[in-house]
């Protein structure tokens, strides 16, 4: 059993900031990549940012320079610091983890239930 739970979403004015958190729990033996996806109304889900266990990061061009992803490996937690938010950032943000579960082989992808981010202008 694996559970990813996001927190920190909400309503913010354009130009403001939000910090999302996601904690992974369950029968986890190792977490490789963690990250964030988002799905805007009427659009497909897109990758926002990822971070490896070693700390290597990548970002979508649309958020580069504004968002910062980080993680606390001891807490199995990933964060997304979102600055200079725009109405284009309105979406449900989903936590993602590529991990290995106890008594299984290989790696699998998991997603949290999502948290809403709304930006007003």
C-alpha atoms as a PDB file:
ATOM      1  CA  UNK A   1       0.000   0.000   0.000  1.00  0.00           C
ATOM      2  CA  UNK A   2       1.319   3.410  -1.051  1.00  0.00           C
ATOM      3  CA  UNK A   3      -0.283   6.748  -0.388  1.00  0.00           C
ATOM      4  CA  UNK A   4       0.719  10.180  -1.629  1.00  0.00           C
ATOM      5  CA  UNK A   5      -0.998  13.146  -0.011  1.00  0.00           C
ATOM      6  CA  UNK A   6      -0.654  16.715  -1.247  1.00  0.00           C
ATOM      7  CA  UNK A   7      -1.199  19.859   0.758  1.00  0.00           C
ATOM      8  CA  UNK A   8      -0.739  23.584   0.335  1.00  0.00           C
ATOM      9  CA  UNK A   9      -3.049  24.338  -2.546  1.00  0.00           C
ATOM     10  CA  UNK A  10      -5.427  27.245  -2.465  1.00  0.00           C
ATOM     11  CA  UNK A  11      -6.320  30.626  -3.868  1.00  0.00           C
ATOM     12  CA  UNK A  12      -3.711  33.286  -4.498  1.00  0.00           C
ATOM     13  CA  UNK A  13      -3.593  36.516  -6.460  1.00  0.00           C
ATOM     14  CA  UNK A  14      -1.483  36.823  -9.568  1.00  0.00           C
ATOM     15  CA  UNK A  15       2.113  37.434  -8.617  1.00  0.00           C
ATOM     16  CA  UNK A  16       1.720  35.628  -5.333  1.00  0.00           C
ATOM     17  CA  UNK A  17       3.260  32.443  -4.048  1.00  0.00           C
ATOM     18  CA  UNK A  18       2.231  29.031  -2.805  1.00  0.00           C
ATOM     19  CA  UNK A  19       4.175  26.110  -1.425  1.00  0.00           C
ATOM     20  CA  UNK A  20       2.918  22.615  -2.135  1.00  0.00           C
ATOM     21  CA  UNK A  21       3.956  19.597  -0.116  1.00  0.00           C
ATOM     22  CA  UNK A  22       3.527  15.895  -0.742  1.00  0.00           C
ATOM     23  CA  UNK A  23       4.336  13.094   1.663  1.00  0.00           C
ATOM     24  CA  UNK A  24       4.599   9.499   0.523  1.00  0.00           C
ATOM     25  CA  UNK A  25       3.827   6.694   2.943  1.00  0.00           C
ATOM     26  CA  UNK A  26       3.293   2.956   2.934  1.00  0.00           C
ATOM     27  CA  UNK A  27       5.412  -0.084   2.192  1.00  0.00           C
ATOM     28  CA  UNK A  28       8.079   1.893   0.380  1.00  0.00           C
ATOM     29  CA  UNK A  29      11.611   0.598   0.162  1.00  0.00           C
ATOM     30  CA  UNK A  30      13.063   3.222  -2.138  1.00  0.00           C
ATOM     31  CA  UNK A  31      11.979   6.341  -4.005  1.00  0.00           C
ATOM     32  CA  UNK A  32      13.720   7.257  -7.214  1.00  0.00           C
ATOM     33  CA  UNK A  33      12.081  10.301  -8.787  1.00  0.00           C
ATOM     34  CA  UNK A  34       9.482  12.563  -7.231  1.00  0.00           C
ATOM     35  CA  UNK A  35       7.704  15.362  -8.974  1.00  0.00           C
ATOM     36  CA  UNK A  36       4.617  17.303  -9.805  1.00  0.00           C
ATOM     37  CA  UNK A  37       2.115  17.140 -12.622  1.00  0.00           C
ATOM     38  CA  UNK A  38      -0.753  19.483 -13.227  1.00  0.00           C
ATOM     39  CA  UNK A  39      -3.951  19.437 -15.208  1.00  0.00           C
ATOM     40  CA  UNK A  40      -5.614  22.674 -16.212  1.00  0.00           C
ATOM     41  CA  UNK A  41      -9.298  22.814 -17.150  1.00  0.00           C
ATOM     42  CA  UNK A  42      -9.821  21.362 -20.593  1.00  0.00           C
ATOM     43  CA  UNK A  43      -6.199  20.349 -20.981  1.00  0.00           C
ATOM     44  CA  UNK A  44      -4.191  17.181 -20.636  1.00  0.00           C
ATOM     45  CA  UNK A  45      -2.038  16.501 -17.647  1.00  0.00           C
ATOM     46  CA  UNK A  46       1.469  17.888 -18.018  1.00  0.00           C
ATOM     47  CA  UNK A  47       4.714  17.414 -16.189  1.00  0.00           C
ATOM     48  CA  UNK A  48       5.721  20.441 -14.132  1.00  0.00           C
ATOM     49  CA  UNK A  49       8.914  19.453 -12.355  1.00  0.00           C
ATOM     50  CA  UNK A  50      10.879  16.433 -11.200  1.00  0.00           C
ATOM     51  CA  UNK A  51      13.673  15.774  -8.764  1.00  0.00           C
ATOM     52  CA  UNK A  52      15.785  12.648  -8.450  1.00  0.00           C
ATOM     53  CA  UNK A  53      16.960  11.049  -5.252  1.00  0.00           C
ATOM     54  CA  UNK A  54      20.319  12.673  -5.886  1.00  0.00           C
ATOM     55  CA  UNK A  55      18.810  16.132  -6.224  1.00  0.00           C
ATOM     56  CA  UNK A  56      18.846  16.618  -9.988  1.00  0.00           C
ATOM     57  CA  UNK A  57      15.915  18.746 -11.108  1.00  0.00           C
ATOM     58  CA  UNK A  58      14.047  19.474 -14.295  1.00  0.00           C
ATOM     59  CA  UNK A  59      11.258  21.919 -15.086  1.00  0.00           C
ATOM     60  CA  UNK A  60       8.714  22.596 -17.741  1.00  0.00           C
ATOM     61  CA  UNK A  61       9.593  25.685 -19.738  1.00  0.00           C
ATOM     62  CA  UNK A  62       6.404  27.372 -18.597  1.00  0.00           C
ATOM     63  CA  UNK A  63       7.474  27.351 -14.937  1.00  0.00           C
ATOM     64  CA  UNK A  64      11.235  27.594 -15.231  1.00  0.00           C
ATOM     65  CA  UNK A  65      12.576  30.437 -13.138  1.00  0.00           C
ATOM     66  CA  UNK A  66       9.376  30.709 -11.110  1.00  0.00           C
ATOM     67  CA  UNK A  67       8.957  27.281  -9.497  1.00  0.00           C
ATOM     68  CA  UNK A  68      11.450  25.392  -7.370  1.00  0.00           C
ATOM     69  CA  UNK A  69      11.202  21.711  -6.542  1.00  0.00           C
ATOM     70  CA  UNK A  70      12.928  20.162  -3.540  1.00  0.00           C
ATOM     71  CA  UNK A  71      12.681  17.045  -1.411  1.00  0.00           C
ATOM     72  CA  UNK A  72      13.415  15.705   2.015  1.00  0.00           C
ATOM     73  CA  UNK A  73      14.440  12.094   1.547  1.00  0.00           C
ATOM     74  CA  UNK A  74      14.249  11.327   5.254  1.00  0.00           C
ATOM     75  CA  UNK A  75      10.578  12.340   5.259  1.00  0.00           C
ATOM     76  CA  UNK A  76       9.686  10.963   1.809  1.00  0.00           C
ATOM     77  CA  UNK A  77       8.395  14.415   1.037  1.00  0.00           C
ATOM     78  CA  UNK A  78       8.602  16.582  -2.059  1.00  0.00           C
ATOM     79  CA  UNK A  79       7.886  20.296  -2.216  1.00  0.00           C
ATOM     80  CA  UNK A  80       7.028  22.748  -4.940  1.00  0.00           C
ATOM     81  CA  UNK A  81       7.651  26.408  -4.243  1.00  0.00           C
ATOM     82  CA  UNK A  82       5.608  28.425  -6.710  1.00  0.00           C
ATOM     83  CA  UNK A  83       6.403  32.095  -7.146  1.00  0.00           C
ATOM     84  CA  UNK A  84       5.116  34.783  -9.499  1.00  0.00           C
ATOM     85  CA  UNK A  85       1.964  32.793 -10.087  1.00  0.00           C
ATOM     86  CA  UNK A  86      -0.087  33.488 -13.188  1.00  0.00           C
ATOM     87  CA  UNK A  87      -3.649  32.637 -14.172  1.00  0.00           C
ATOM     88  CA  UNK A  88      -2.099  30.157 -16.602  1.00  0.00           C
ATOM     89  CA  UNK A  89      -0.952  28.169 -13.563  1.00  0.00           C
ATOM     90  CA  UNK A  90      -4.521  27.385 -12.536  1.00  0.00           C
ATOM     91  CA  UNK A  91      -4.780  23.621 -12.331  1.00  0.00           C
ATOM     92  CA  UNK A  92      -5.058  20.611 -10.119  1.00  0.00           C
ATOM     93  CA  UNK A  93      -1.543  19.724  -9.076  1.00  0.00           C
ATOM     94  CA  UNK A  94      -0.702  16.064  -8.611  1.00  0.00           C
ATOM     95  CA  UNK A  95       2.196  14.671  -6.666  1.00  0.00           C
ATOM     96  CA  UNK A  96       4.150  11.932  -8.412  1.00  0.00           C
ATOM     97  CA  UNK A  97       6.625   9.350  -7.222  1.00  0.00           C
ATOM     98  CA  UNK A  98       8.550   6.614  -8.963  1.00  0.00           C
ATOM     99  CA  UNK A  99       9.245   4.081  -6.253  1.00  0.00           C
ATOM    100  CA  UNK A 100       9.742   0.491  -5.276  1.00  0.00           C
ATOM    101  CA  UNK A 101       7.226  -1.236  -3.028  1.00  0.00           C
ATOM    102  CA  UNK A 102       8.113  -3.889  -0.475  1.00  0.00           C
ATOM    103  CA  UNK A 103       7.970  -7.446  -1.868  1.00  0.00           C
ATOM    104  CA  UNK A 104       7.748  -6.280  -5.460  1.00  0.00           C
ATOM    105  CA  UNK A 105      10.260  -6.055  -8.255  1.00  0.00           C
ATOM    106  CA  UNK A 106      10.919  -3.080 -10.441  1.00  0.00           C
ATOM    107  CA  UNK A 107       9.680   0.472 -10.155  1.00  0.00           C
ATOM    108  CA  UNK A 108       6.179   1.904 -10.426  1.00  0.00           C
ATOM    109  CA  UNK A 109       4.607   5.317 -10.715  1.00  0.00           C
ATOM    110  CA  UNK A 110       2.118   6.669  -8.190  1.00  0.00           C
ATOM    111  CA  UNK A 111       0.067   9.849  -8.013  1.00  0.00           C
ATOM    112  CA  UNK A 112      -1.669  11.673  -5.233  1.00  0.00           C
ATOM    113  CA  UNK A 113      -5.313  12.743  -5.396  1.00  0.00           C
ATOM    114  CA  UNK A 114      -4.391  16.298  -6.347  1.00  0.00           C
ATOM    115  CA  UNK A 115      -4.687  19.736  -4.821  1.00  0.00           C
ATOM    116  CA  UNK A 116      -6.312  22.741  -6.459  1.00  0.00           C
ATOM    117  CA  UNK A 117      -4.309  25.859  -7.224  1.00  0.00           C
ATOM    118  CA  UNK A 118      -6.316  28.904  -8.249  1.00  0.00           C
ATOM    119  CA  UNK A 119      -4.799  32.220  -9.303  1.00  0.00           C
ATOM    120  CA  UNK A 120      -6.945  35.319  -9.537  1.00  0.00           C
ATOM    121  CA  UNK A 121      -6.170  38.396 -11.613  1.00  0.00           C
END
